[in-house]
């Protein structure tokens, strides 16, 4: 019997490629979102470090009016950067959800073709086993007939 060939393999390959493409698109969006989150964390850490430094200089009495204004401006700027990053993160959520829906759909389409392939493969294996068993039965029957003829002689 000939080897198993799935006639819709090209369709399966196309669906797998589409799923990979959508996964890559989602990964790119999530990477951008994660960079924004990292920027937020970085500025939160910088603000915290500056607050500690400013508090230490106040305790030691080594701060000036200009340092206080610079600290206040830095904290204000840091909060604006954090807020802007959060706005970008929030604005990306809708697009990310749309891509996730597309990914679910692409996965479902691929799985449908994969299930069909699996069913076709199982049918092929079933038919192959039936054919092999039939050949074995025929061979056994011929051997049995041959032994009967030998015994009759």
C-alpha atoms as a PDB file:
ATOM      1  CA  UNK A   1       0.000   0.000   0.000  1.00  0.00           C
ATOM      2  CA  UNK A   2       1.230   3.505  -0.750  1.00  0.00           C
ATOM      3  CA  UNK A   3       2.403   5.789   2.041  1.00  0.00           C
ATOM      4  CA  UNK A   4       0.075   8.238   3.779  1.00  0.00           C
ATOM      5  CA  UNK A   5      -0.420  11.530   1.943  1.00  0.00           C
ATOM      6  CA  UNK A   6      -2.697  14.220   3.341  1.00  0.00           C
ATOM      7  CA  UNK A   7      -4.221  16.046   0.409  1.00  0.00           C
ATOM      8  CA  UNK A   8      -4.927  19.170   2.457  1.00  0.00           C
ATOM      9  CA  UNK A   9      -1.374  19.493   3.810  1.00  0.00           C
ATOM     10  CA  UNK A  10      -0.912  22.797   1.958  1.00  0.00           C
ATOM     11  CA  UNK A  11      -4.015  24.178   3.656  1.00  0.00           C
ATOM     12  CA  UNK A  12      -2.691  23.014   7.032  1.00  0.00           C
ATOM     13  CA  UNK A  13       0.662  24.675   6.325  1.00  0.00           C
ATOM     14  CA  UNK A  14      -1.088  27.924   5.405  1.00  0.00           C
ATOM     15  CA  UNK A  15      -3.176  27.846   8.578  1.00  0.00           C
ATOM     16  CA  UNK A  16      -0.089  27.141  10.705  1.00  0.00           C
ATOM     17  CA  UNK A  17       1.728  30.052   9.043  1.00  0.00           C
ATOM     18  CA  UNK A  18      -1.245  32.341   9.693  1.00  0.00           C
ATOM     19  CA  UNK A  19      -1.293  31.301  13.343  1.00  0.00           C
ATOM     20  CA  UNK A  20       2.457  31.949  13.667  1.00  0.00           C
ATOM     21  CA  UNK A  21       1.999  35.359  12.050  1.00  0.00           C
ATOM     22  CA  UNK A  22      -0.733  36.334  14.494  1.00  0.00           C
ATOM     23  CA  UNK A  23       1.365  35.009  17.415  1.00  0.00           C
ATOM     24  CA  UNK A  24       4.281  37.160  16.279  1.00  0.00           C
ATOM     25  CA  UNK A  25       2.016  40.189  15.992  1.00  0.00           C
ATOM     26  CA  UNK A  26       0.731  39.598  19.520  1.00  0.00           C
ATOM     27  CA  UNK A  27       4.270  39.109  20.802  1.00  0.00           C
ATOM     28  CA  UNK A  28       5.351  42.408  19.240  1.00  0.00           C
ATOM     29  CA  UNK A  29       2.471  44.286  20.852  1.00  0.00           C
ATOM     30  CA  UNK A  30       3.113  42.678  24.233  1.00  0.00           C
ATOM     31  CA  UNK A  31       6.825  43.525  23.937  1.00  0.00           C
ATOM     32  CA  UNK A  32       5.959  47.191  23.399  1.00  0.00           C
ATOM     33  CA  UNK A  33       3.596  47.093  26.348  1.00  0.00           C
ATOM     34  CA  UNK A  34       6.250  45.428  28.518  1.00  0.00           C
ATOM     35  CA  UNK A  35       8.801  48.091  27.553  1.00  0.00           C
ATOM     36  CA  UNK A  36       6.344  50.740  28.724  1.00  0.00           C
ATOM     37  CA  UNK A  37       5.865  48.876  32.006  1.00  0.00           C
ATOM     38  CA  UNK A  38       9.639  48.615  32.404  1.00  0.00           C
ATOM     39  CA  UNK A  39       9.910  52.366  31.824  1.00  0.00           C
ATOM     40  CA  UNK A  40       7.298  52.924  34.530  1.00  0.00           C
ATOM     41  CA  UNK A  41       9.209  50.711  36.963  1.00  0.00           C
ATOM     42  CA  UNK A  42      12.454  52.481  36.107  1.00  0.00           C
ATOM     43  CA  UNK A  43      10.983  55.919  36.844  1.00  0.00           C
ATOM     44  CA  UNK A  44       9.326  54.696  40.035  1.00  0.00           C
ATOM     45  CA  UNK A  45      12.726  53.425  41.190  1.00  0.00           C
ATOM     46  CA  UNK A  46      14.426  56.692  40.213  1.00  0.00           C
ATOM     47  CA  UNK A  47      11.806  58.713  42.114  1.00  0.00           C
ATOM     48  CA  UNK A  48      12.222  56.488  45.161  1.00  0.00           C
ATOM     49  CA  UNK A  49      16.021  56.825  45.011  1.00  0.00           C
ATOM     50  CA  UNK A  50      15.773  60.602  44.682  1.00  0.00           C
ATOM     51  CA  UNK A  51      13.333  60.767  47.593  1.00  0.00           C
ATOM     52  CA  UNK A  52      15.787  58.839  49.771  1.00  0.00           C
ATOM     53  CA  UNK A  53      18.681  61.046  48.679  1.00  0.00           C
ATOM     54  CA  UNK A  54      16.669  64.217  49.288  1.00  0.00           C
ATOM     55  CA  UNK A  55      15.453  62.964  52.690  1.00  0.00           C
ATOM     56  CA  UNK A  56      19.051  62.192  53.697  1.00  0.00           C
ATOM     57  CA  UNK A  57      20.256  65.619  52.616  1.00  0.00           C
ATOM     58  CA  UNK A  58      17.383  67.222  54.592  1.00  0.00           C
ATOM     59  CA  UNK A  59      18.309  65.240  57.725  1.00  0.00           C
ATOM     60  CA  UNK A  60      21.906  66.327  57.359  1.00  0.00           C
ATOM     61  CA  UNK A  61      20.819  69.894  56.661  1.00  0.00           C
ATOM     62  CA  UNK A  62      22.761  69.971  53.369  1.00  0.00           C
ATOM     63  CA  UNK A  63      20.003  70.886  50.981  1.00  0.00           C
ATOM     64  CA  UNK A  64      19.356  74.108  49.196  1.00  0.00           C
ATOM     65  CA  UNK A  65      16.282  75.741  47.832  1.00  0.00           C
ATOM     66  CA  UNK A  66      17.437  74.933  44.281  1.00  0.00           C
ATOM     67  CA  UNK A  67      17.881  71.255  45.124  1.00  0.00           C
ATOM     68  CA  UNK A  68      14.346  71.168  46.540  1.00  0.00           C
ATOM     69  CA  UNK A  69      12.922  72.736  43.366  1.00  0.00           C
ATOM     70  CA  UNK A  70      14.980  70.396  41.163  1.00  0.00           C
ATOM     71  CA  UNK A  71      13.759  67.417  43.210  1.00  0.00           C
ATOM     72  CA  UNK A  72      10.141  68.562  42.952  1.00  0.00           C
ATOM     73  CA  UNK A  73      10.459  69.063  39.183  1.00  0.00           C
ATOM     74  CA  UNK A  74      12.085  65.668  38.758  1.00  0.00           C
ATOM     75  CA  UNK A  75       9.320  63.936  40.715  1.00  0.00           C
ATOM     76  CA  UNK A  76       6.683  65.803  38.704  1.00  0.00           C
ATOM     77  CA  UNK A  77       8.406  64.853  35.441  1.00  0.00           C
ATOM     78  CA  UNK A  78       8.730  61.225  36.575  1.00  0.00           C
ATOM     79  CA  UNK A  79       5.035  61.024  37.403  1.00  0.00           C
ATOM     80  CA  UNK A  80       4.165  62.496  34.000  1.00  0.00           C
ATOM     81  CA  UNK A  81       6.345  59.886  32.277  1.00  0.00           C
ATOM     82  CA  UNK A  82       4.700  57.112  34.318  1.00  0.00           C
ATOM     83  CA  UNK A  83       1.247  58.452  33.514  1.00  0.00           C
ATOM     84  CA  UNK A  84       2.032  58.770  29.792  1.00  0.00           C
ATOM     85  CA  UNK A  85       3.348  55.204  29.721  1.00  0.00           C
ATOM     86  CA  UNK A  86       0.178  54.000  31.452  1.00  0.00           C
ATOM     87  CA  UNK A  87      -1.942  55.795  28.869  1.00  0.00           C
ATOM     88  CA  UNK A  88      -0.015  54.053  26.073  1.00  0.00           C
ATOM     89  CA  UNK A  89      -0.434  50.698  27.852  1.00  0.00           C
ATOM     90  CA  UNK A  90      -4.164  51.258  28.285  1.00  0.00           C
ATOM     91  CA  UNK A  91      -4.602  52.378  24.676  1.00  0.00           C
ATOM     92  CA  UNK A  92      -2.932  49.172  23.470  1.00  0.00           C
ATOM     93  CA  UNK A  93      -5.276  46.866  25.406  1.00  0.00           C
ATOM     94  CA  UNK A  94      -8.077  47.034  22.832  1.00  0.00           C
ATOM     95  CA  UNK A  95      -5.728  46.214  19.967  1.00  0.00           C
ATOM     96  CA  UNK A  96      -4.117  43.396  21.976  1.00  0.00           C
ATOM     97  CA  UNK A  97      -7.539  41.904  22.704  1.00  0.00           C
ATOM     98  CA  UNK A  98      -8.429  42.027  18.990  1.00  0.00           C
ATOM     99  CA  UNK A  99      -5.200  40.223  18.121  1.00  0.00           C
ATOM    100  CA  UNK A 100      -5.907  37.620  20.819  1.00  0.00           C
ATOM    101  CA  UNK A 101      -9.331  36.991  19.287  1.00  0.00           C
ATOM    102  CA  UNK A 102      -7.676  36.585  15.879  1.00  0.00           C
ATOM    103  CA  UNK A 103      -5.164  34.176  17.416  1.00  0.00           C
ATOM    104  CA  UNK A 104      -7.940  32.059  18.929  1.00  0.00           C
ATOM    105  CA  UNK A 105      -9.682  31.960  15.550  1.00  0.00           C
ATOM    106  CA  UNK A 106      -6.459  31.036  13.717  1.00  0.00           C
ATOM    107  CA  UNK A 107      -5.765  28.275  16.261  1.00  0.00           C
ATOM    108  CA  UNK A 108      -9.278  26.928  15.874  1.00  0.00           C
ATOM    109  CA  UNK A 109      -8.950  26.864  12.068  1.00  0.00           C
ATOM    110  CA  UNK A 110      -5.616  25.038  12.315  1.00  0.00           C
ATOM    111  CA  UNK A 111      -6.983  22.505  14.808  1.00  0.00           C
ATOM    112  CA  UNK A 112      -9.918  21.697  12.529  1.00  0.00           C
ATOM    113  CA  UNK A 113      -7.564  20.749   9.700  1.00  0.00           C
ATOM    114  CA  UNK A 114      -5.248  18.885  12.108  1.00  0.00           C
ATOM    115  CA  UNK A 115      -8.181  16.827  13.409  1.00  0.00           C
ATOM    116  CA  UNK A 116      -9.162  16.010   9.844  1.00  0.00           C
ATOM    117  CA  UNK A 117      -5.581  14.968   9.110  1.00  0.00           C
ATOM    118  CA  UNK A 118      -5.536  12.773  12.211  1.00  0.00           C
ATOM    119  CA  UNK A 119      -8.813  11.107  11.212  1.00  0.00           C
ATOM    120  CA  UNK A 120      -7.512  10.491   7.680  1.00  0.00           C
ATOM    121  CA  UNK A 121      -4.270   9.090   9.089  1.00  0.00           C
ATOM    122  CA  UNK A 122      -6.145   6.773  11.455  1.00  0.00           C
ATOM    123  CA  UNK A 123      -8.316   5.554   8.582  1.00  0.00           C
ATOM    124  CA  UNK A 124      -5.186   4.975   6.507  1.00  0.00           C
ATOM    125  CA  UNK A 125      -3.587   2.978   9.340  1.00  0.00           C
ATOM    126  CA  UNK A 126      -6.789   0.978   9.818  1.00  0.00           C
ATOM    127  CA  UNK A 127      -6.947   0.141   6.097  1.00  0.00           C
ATOM    128  CA  UNK A 128      -3.230  -0.688   6.075  1.00  0.00           C
ATOM    129  CA  UNK A 129      -3.619  -3.061   9.020  1.00  0.00           C
ATOM    130  CA  UNK A 130      -6.623  -4.704   7.371  1.00  0.00           C
ATOM    131  CA  UNK A 131      -4.618  -5.220   4.188  1.00  0.00           C
ATOM    132  CA  UNK A 132      -1.648  -6.639   6.100  1.00  0.00           C
ATOM    133  CA  UNK A 133      -3.920  -8.964   8.067  1.00  0.00           C
ATOM    134  CA  UNK A 134      -5.587 -10.063   4.840  1.00  0.00           C
ATOM    135  CA  UNK A 135      -2.188 -10.877   3.324  1.00  0.00           C
ATOM    136  CA  UNK A 136      -1.228 -12.832   6.454  1.00  0.00           C
ATOM    137  CA  UNK A 137      -4.506 -14.748   6.334  1.00  0.00           C
ATOM    138  CA  UNK A 138      -3.982 -15.555   2.658  1.00  0.00           C
ATOM    139  CA  UNK A 139      -0.442 -16.752   3.328  1.00  0.00           C
ATOM    140  CA  UNK A 140      -1.601 -18.874   6.274  1.00  0.00           C
ATOM    141  CA  UNK A 141      -4.405 -20.336   4.196  1.00  0.00           C
ATOM    142  CA  UNK A 142      -1.975 -21.258   1.385  1.00  0.00           C
ATOM    143  CA  UNK A 143       0.357 -22.894   3.891  1.00  0.00           C
ATOM    144  CA  UNK A 144      -2.556 -24.827   5.376  1.00  0.00           C
ATOM    145  CA  UNK A 145      -3.738 -26.011   1.939  1.00  0.00           C
ATOM    146  CA  UNK A 146      -0.175 -27.028   1.043  1.00  0.00           C
ATOM    147  CA  UNK A 147       0.114 -29.076   4.271  1.00  0.00           C
ATOM    148  CA  UNK A 148      -3.211 -30.743   3.584  1.00  0.00           C
ATOM    149  CA  UNK A 149      -2.049 -31.704   0.081  1.00  0.00           C
ATOM    150  CA  UNK A 150       1.228 -33.043   1.441  1.00  0.00           C
ATOM    151  CA  UNK A 151      -0.633 -35.113   4.011  1.00  0.00           C
ATOM    152  CA  UNK A 152      -2.943 -36.536   1.337  1.00  0.00           C
ATOM    153  CA  UNK A 153      -0.038 -37.756  -0.818  1.00  0.00           C
END
